[in-house]
């Protein structure tokens, strides 16, 4: 795996010398870098003199990183159980519409949660109930694993289409 030098990597990619398992390393490294840097920014923003980081903050951030790694590796395994080709292309391309679908589901869910209390004449849903609780962590983990399960299902469907 190249960490700094681009030209040798470009040559290997052009010649087809980079294996699917090597491409997985690049994908996982990139995903983890994005997730970890996002979570570090999130935790740093919370670490102000007025606020302190809670166990829930650390736990949710840690689980997000872990589920991202496990999810990417799961999808790779689903691809390998078929033709074991084009993993990166399948992962990246299928992630887009699946992410859009999951965002739509999430937005509908939040709209329902926020509107539910108002409709019944009660207090509107409080964001902190999901953001600072075990329930929020459970929702995060279930959402993440559901995303990767669904992505893996479609990757496997493609990987077994012609076998």
Foldseek 3Di string as FASTA:
>chain_A
DDDPDDVVVVVCVVVVNQALVNVLVVVLVVVLVVLLVVLVVVQVVQPDPVHHDDPLSVLLSVLVSVLSNVLSVLLQVLLVVFQSPDSVVLLVVVLVVLVVVLVVVVVVVQVCQQVVQVVVVHHGHDPCVLVPDPVVSVVSNVSSNVSSVVSSVVSNCVRHVVD
